[in-house]
Amino acid sequence: MAVQIPYVRDIEFTYEDSEQITPLIRRVVANNPSAFTYKGTGTYIIGHGNVAVIDPGPMIDAHVEALMRALDGETVTHILITHTHSDHSPAAAPLKKLTGAKTYGYGPHGGGHGEEDGDMDFVPDVEIRHGDVLKGDGWTAECVFTPGHTSNHICFALKEEKTLFTGDHVMGWSTSIVSPPDGNMRAYMASLRLLLERDDEIYWPTHGPAIRDPKPFVRAFIAHREDRERQIVEQIKEGRTHIKDMVPIMYAAVDKRLYPAAARSVLAHVQGMVEDGRLVTDGDGTPRLDSEFRLA
């Protein structure tokens, strides 16, 4: 069964230019396009005069300089971090040094020092939790805890515009990678379902364009993940019991260079399927990339 993901249209922008996208929101896109960041990291500036910055982005001097140009004459009161991957949080350090603003996030990276893309240096000045409300000059942001992509992922809901800044939890161009040990598929699915209970009217992800009809989009993401788990069951029934053999079949339409990331996503799925008793694995029962899996 194929699940159609309702991807939204492409976006037009110029790198490092500040773009006013709503009355309260500006965006500066970093020049770091890749297979994982799409056209680049979108850093958001909320408000006017006394402002918040969401996801300052990667440690690229030109991007930090562009942010400071966009912030000229204004005071940064909050630096908000959705999660600690290297394309989201590292520029918080120079931005904090230049502005004196405090950083806000759920906590430091949870994946351990073996995770290649984790920002191990970031520790928030203020730890925030689900339901916390941050207030600034003309803006109000509710914290929405959405673990799964990372264990410390949190979204921010701008009350004045019924907007949710979704970080990498819901991206505007692709499904998110969920990579253990810090990524957890069961948590990710629960966090997607949490969004269906909310009344946000528009999502602004850190990568890709706005999502203007979010609930069908989220439902499609959930269906896509459920379909992946059905595919895993089918692969095992057909005798492919190792992840390395499943990936080329399940991701036949994907660039082979992305197979390692796809394998980690499959690992996240089988971890959950072992936990809920649908699959069993060899050895000590802990799912690993090289484990053999069979139906329970």
Protein backbone atom coordinates (compact mmCIF):
# COMPACT_ATOMS: atom_id res chain seq x y z
CA MET A 1 0.00 0.00 0.00
CA ALA A 2 1.42 3.37 -1.00
CA VAL A 3 0.77 6.36 1.22
CA GLN A 4 0.67 9.71 -0.55
CA ILE A 5 2.32 12.51 1.41
CA PRO A 6 0.70 15.87 0.56
CA TYR A 7 3.90 17.82 0.06
CA VAL A 8 3.41 21.54 -0.35
CA ARG A 9 4.86 23.66 -3.11
CA ASP A 10 8.45 24.77 -3.29
CA ILE A 11 9.57 28.07 -1.81
CA GLU A 12 11.36 31.01 -3.33
CA PHE A 13 13.92 32.93 -1.32
CA THR A 14 17.38 34.41 -1.40
CA TYR A 15 19.96 33.11 1.06
CA GLU A 16 20.76 35.36 4.00
CA ASP A 17 18.07 37.94 3.18
CA SER A 18 15.49 38.75 5.84
CA GLU A 19 12.01 37.98 4.54
CA GLN A 20 8.81 39.24 6.20
CA ILE A 21 6.46 36.27 5.88
CA THR A 22 3.63 37.37 8.23
CA PRO A 23 2.99 40.53 10.26
CA LEU A 24 4.91 39.06 13.23
CA ILE A 25 7.34 36.65 11.55
CA ARG A 26 10.52 37.15 9.55
CA ARG A 27 12.77 34.41 8.19
CA VAL A 28 16.46 34.24 7.29
CA VAL A 29 17.52 31.07 5.44
CA ALA A 30 21.05 29.76 5.93
CA ASN A 31 23.07 28.73 2.89
CA ASN A 32 23.38 25.09 3.98
CA PRO A 33 21.29 23.10 1.48
CA SER A 34 21.65 19.31 1.60
CA ALA A 35 19.74 16.05 1.36
CA PHE A 36 18.83 16.53 5.02
CA THR A 37 18.20 20.30 5.19
CA TYR A 38 16.42 20.85 1.84
CA LYS A 39 17.12 24.46 0.75
CA GLY A 40 18.64 25.35 4.14
CA THR A 41 17.85 26.11 7.77
CA GLY A 42 15.14 28.72 8.22
CA THR A 43 15.78 30.93 11.25
CA TYR A 44 12.70 32.81 12.43
CA ILE A 45 12.51 36.24 14.08
CA ILE A 46 9.31 36.88 16.06
CA GLY A 47 8.03 40.37 16.80
CA HIS A 48 9.41 43.87 16.31
CA GLY A 49 11.68 45.89 18.57
CA ASN A 50 12.05 43.34 21.35
CA VAL A 51 12.16 40.02 19.50
CA ALA A 52 12.67 36.27 19.81
CA VAL A 53 14.84 34.18 17.49
CA ILE A 54 13.89 30.55 16.82
CA ASP A 55 16.63 28.11 15.76
CA PRO A 56 19.62 30.40 15.07
CA GLY A 57 20.97 27.69 12.78
CA PRO A 58 24.37 26.25 11.87
CA MET A 59 27.75 27.72 12.78
CA ILE A 60 28.19 29.61 9.52
CA ASP A 61 29.68 33.10 9.86
CA ALA A 62 27.69 34.48 6.92
CA HIS A 63 24.44 33.29 8.48
CA VAL A 64 25.22 34.85 11.87
CA GLU A 65 26.14 38.09 10.11
CA ALA A 66 22.87 37.99 8.16
CA LEU A 67 20.92 37.49 11.38
CA MET A 68 22.63 40.47 12.97
CA ARG A 69 21.81 42.62 9.93
CA ALA A 70 18.17 41.56 10.18
CA LEU A 71 18.19 42.38 13.91
CA ASP A 72 19.84 45.78 13.53
CA GLY A 73 18.29 48.29 15.94
CA GLU A 74 16.31 45.62 17.80
CA THR A 75 16.77 43.82 21.11
CA VAL A 76 16.78 40.02 21.22
CA THR A 77 15.06 38.93 24.44
CA HIS A 78 14.74 35.16 23.78
CA ILE A 79 16.69 32.60 21.75
CA LEU A 80 14.43 29.56 21.31
CA ILE A 81 15.81 26.15 20.30
CA THR A 82 13.58 23.40 18.92
CA HIS A 83 16.32 20.75 19.27
CA THR A 84 20.06 20.23 19.27
CA HIS A 85 21.09 19.13 15.80
CA SER A 86 24.04 20.86 14.16
CA ASP A 87 21.89 22.77 11.67
CA HIS A 88 19.64 24.25 14.38
CA SER A 89 21.37 25.23 17.63
CA PRO A 90 25.13 25.95 17.22
CA ALA A 91 24.66 29.58 16.14
CA ALA A 92 22.91 30.22 19.46
CA ALA A 93 26.35 30.65 21.05
CA PRO A 94 27.56 33.63 18.92
CA LEU A 95 24.05 35.13 18.87
CA LYS A 96 23.92 35.00 22.67
CA LYS A 97 27.38 36.57 22.90
CA LEU A 98 26.43 39.38 20.51
CA THR A 99 23.01 40.14 22.01
CA GLY A 100 23.15 39.04 25.65
CA ALA A 101 19.85 37.14 25.23
CA LYS A 102 19.13 33.96 27.15
CA THR A 103 18.67 30.63 25.39
CA TYR A 104 15.57 28.51 25.96
CA GLY A 105 15.30 24.79 25.23
CA TYR A 106 14.13 21.49 26.65
CA GLY A 107 17.65 20.48 27.63
CA PRO A 108 21.02 19.38 26.23
CA HIS A 109 21.34 16.76 23.54
CA GLY A 110 20.34 13.30 24.71
CA GLY A 111 22.02 11.07 22.15
CA GLY A 112 25.48 10.84 23.68
CA HIS A 113 28.80 11.89 22.21
CA GLY A 114 28.71 9.10 19.62
CA GLU A 115 25.98 10.80 17.62
CA GLU A 116 27.49 12.50 14.60
CA ASP A 117 24.96 15.30 14.13
CA GLY A 118 24.28 16.23 17.74
CA ASP A 119 25.24 19.64 19.12
CA MET A 120 26.87 18.49 22.34
CA ASP A 121 27.88 22.00 23.39
CA PHE A 122 24.42 23.50 23.76
CA VAL A 123 22.98 23.79 27.26
CA PRO A 124 19.96 26.12 27.59
CA ASP A 125 20.07 28.97 30.06
CA VAL A 126 16.40 28.27 30.77
CA GLU A 127 14.94 24.77 30.54
CA ILE A 128 11.37 24.76 29.27
CA ARG A 129 8.63 22.15 29.50
CA HIS A 130 5.39 21.27 27.76
CA GLY A 131 2.76 23.92 28.37
CA ASP A 132 5.17 26.64 29.46
CA VAL A 133 4.30 30.06 28.04
CA LEU A 134 6.94 32.60 27.02
CA LYS A 135 5.94 36.23 26.55
CA GLY A 136 7.59 39.09 24.73
CA ASP A 137 6.76 42.47 23.26
CA GLY A 138 3.58 41.71 21.28
CA TRP A 139 4.04 37.95 21.08
CA THR A 140 3.20 34.88 23.16
CA ALA A 141 4.76 31.45 22.58
CA GLU A 142 3.46 28.20 24.07
CA CYS A 143 5.95 25.33 24.40
CA VAL A 144 4.75 22.06 22.84
CA PHE A 145 6.98 19.09 23.72
CA THR A 146 7.33 16.78 20.71
CA PRO A 147 10.04 14.15 21.33
CA GLY A 148 10.82 11.58 18.67
CA HIS A 149 13.08 13.17 16.07
CA THR A 150 15.26 13.87 19.10
CA SER A 151 14.51 13.33 22.77
CA ASN A 152 14.61 17.10 23.43
CA HIS A 153 12.53 18.31 20.49
CA ILE A 154 10.04 21.06 21.32
CA CYS A 155 7.78 23.18 19.10
CA PHE A 156 6.65 26.74 19.72
CA ALA A 157 3.08 27.96 19.15
CA LEU A 158 2.71 31.67 18.37
CA LYS A 159 -0.66 32.46 19.92
CA GLU A 160 -1.23 35.74 18.07
CA GLU A 161 -1.18 34.03 14.66
CA LYS A 162 -2.27 30.46 15.58
CA THR A 163 1.07 29.34 14.14
CA LEU A 164 3.24 26.39 15.18
CA PHE A 165 6.99 26.45 14.58
CA THR A 166 7.56 22.73 14.09
CA GLY A 167 11.36 22.49 13.82
CA ASP A 168 12.10 19.07 12.32
CA HIS A 169 9.08 17.33 13.87
CA VAL A 170 6.95 18.16 10.82
CA MET A 171 8.96 19.43 7.85
CA GLY A 172 7.52 21.07 4.78
CA TRP A 173 9.32 18.95 2.19
CA SER A 174 9.92 15.46 3.62
CA THR A 175 9.23 13.17 6.52
CA SER A 176 11.67 13.49 9.44
CA ILE A 177 14.51 11.08 10.08
CA VAL A 178 14.14 9.22 13.36
CA SER A 179 17.56 7.85 14.25
CA PRO A 180 18.29 5.89 17.45
CA PRO A 181 19.61 6.15 20.07
CA ASP A 182 18.26 9.67 20.55
CA GLY A 183 15.45 9.30 18.01
CA ASN A 184 12.50 7.17 19.08
CA MET A 185 9.74 6.12 16.68
CA ARG A 186 7.11 5.47 19.35
CA ALA A 187 7.69 8.92 20.83
CA TYR A 188 7.63 10.46 17.36
CA MET A 189 4.27 8.88 16.52
CA ALA A 190 2.79 9.98 19.85
CA SER A 191 4.04 13.51 19.19
CA LEU A 192 2.39 13.53 15.76
CA ARG A 193 -0.90 12.44 17.30
CA LEU A 194 -0.55 15.20 19.90
CA LEU A 195 -0.62 17.78 17.10
CA LEU A 196 -3.98 16.45 15.89
CA GLU A 197 -5.47 17.57 19.22
CA ARG A 198 -4.37 21.16 18.66
CA ASP A 199 -6.00 23.98 16.70
CA ASP A 200 -2.91 25.49 15.03
CA GLU A 201 -3.85 26.87 11.61
CA ILE A 202 -0.42 26.95 9.96
CA TYR A 203 2.98 25.32 10.52
CA TRP A 204 6.31 26.96 9.80
CA PRO A 205 8.99 24.22 9.78
CA THR A 206 12.71 24.93 9.95
CA HIS A 207 13.12 23.28 6.53
CA GLY A 208 10.73 23.87 3.68
CA PRO A 209 7.63 25.98 3.07
CA ALA A 210 4.67 26.64 5.32
CA ILE A 211 2.06 23.93 5.83
CA ARG A 212 -1.29 25.70 5.55
CA ASP A 213 -3.65 22.76 6.10
CA PRO A 214 -1.75 20.92 8.82
CA LYS A 215 -4.05 18.15 10.05
CA PRO A 216 -4.31 16.21 6.76
CA PHE A 217 -0.55 16.62 6.45
CA VAL A 218 0.04 15.14 9.92
CA ARG A 219 -2.42 12.30 9.29
CA ALA A 220 -0.53 11.46 6.10
CA PHE A 221 2.74 11.34 8.04
CA ILE A 222 1.20 8.94 10.55
CA ALA A 223 -0.17 6.75 7.75
CA HIS A 224 3.25 6.79 6.07
CA ARG A 225 4.94 5.46 9.21
CA GLU A 226 2.25 2.83 9.75
CA ASP A 227 2.77 1.73 6.15
CA ARG A 228 6.52 1.40 6.76
CA GLU A 229 5.79 -1.04 9.57
CA ARG A 230 3.51 -3.07 7.32
CA GLN A 231 6.35 -3.16 4.80
CA ILE A 232 8.73 -4.46 7.45
CA VAL A 233 6.34 -7.31 8.25
CA GLU A 234 6.06 -8.11 4.53
CA GLN A 235 9.85 -8.10 4.13
CA ILE A 236 10.28 -10.58 6.99
CA LYS A 237 7.56 -12.83 5.55
CA GLU A 238 9.47 -12.81 2.25
CA GLY A 239 12.67 -13.89 4.00
CA ARG A 240 14.46 -10.56 4.32
CA THR A 241 15.16 -10.61 8.04
CA HIS A 242 18.02 -8.09 8.19
CA ILE A 243 17.65 -4.32 7.84
CA LYS A 244 20.37 -4.14 5.17
CA ASP A 245 18.25 -6.40 2.95
CA MET A 246 14.98 -4.56 3.64
CA VAL A 247 16.19 -1.04 2.84
CA PRO A 248 16.86 -1.42 -0.93
CA ILE A 249 13.35 -2.81 -1.39
CA MET A 250 11.49 -0.46 0.94
CA TYR A 251 13.39 2.61 -0.29
CA ALA A 252 13.79 1.67 -3.95
CA ALA A 253 12.78 5.18 -5.07
CA VAL A 254 15.30 6.88 -2.76
CA ASP A 255 18.86 7.94 -3.64
CA LYS A 256 21.18 5.14 -2.51
CA ARG A 257 23.32 7.69 -0.69
CA LEU A 258 20.43 8.01 1.78
CA TYR A 259 20.29 4.28 2.53
CA PRO A 260 22.31 4.61 5.76
CA ALA A 261 19.80 7.15 7.09
CA ALA A 262 16.92 4.98 5.88
CA ALA A 263 18.44 2.00 7.72
CA ARG A 264 18.46 3.96 10.97
CA SER A 265 14.82 4.89 10.43
CA VAL A 266 13.96 1.21 9.92
CA LEU A 267 15.89 0.45 13.11
CA ALA A 268 13.70 2.96 14.96
CA HIS A 269 10.62 1.17 13.63
CA VAL A 270 11.78 -2.33 14.57
CA GLN A 271 12.78 -1.17 18.05
CA GLY A 272 9.19 -0.15 18.65
CA MET A 273 7.86 -3.33 17.07
CA VAL A 274 10.05 -5.44 19.36
CA GLU A 275 8.91 -3.41 22.37
CA ASP A 276 5.23 -3.99 21.60
CA GLY A 277 5.72 -7.69 20.92
CA ARG A 278 5.21 -7.83 17.16
CA LEU A 279 8.81 -8.77 16.38
CA VAL A 280 11.58 -10.67 18.13
CA THR A 281 15.29 -10.51 17.49
CA ASP A 282 18.41 -12.53 18.14
CA GLY A 283 21.06 -12.33 20.85
CA ASP A 284 20.03 -10.46 23.97
CA GLY A 285 16.85 -9.20 22.32
CA THR A 286 18.15 -5.66 21.73
CA PRO A 287 17.46 -4.50 18.15
CA ARG A 288 20.59 -3.42 16.29
CA LEU A 289 21.37 -2.56 12.69
CA ASP A 290 22.89 -6.00 12.12
CA SER A 291 20.28 -7.98 14.08
CA GLU A 292 18.07 -10.62 12.54
CA PHE A 293 14.32 -10.12 13.02
CA ARG A 294 11.37 -12.47 12.87
CA LEU A 295 7.67 -12.24 13.54
CA ALA A 296 6.61 -12.96 17.12
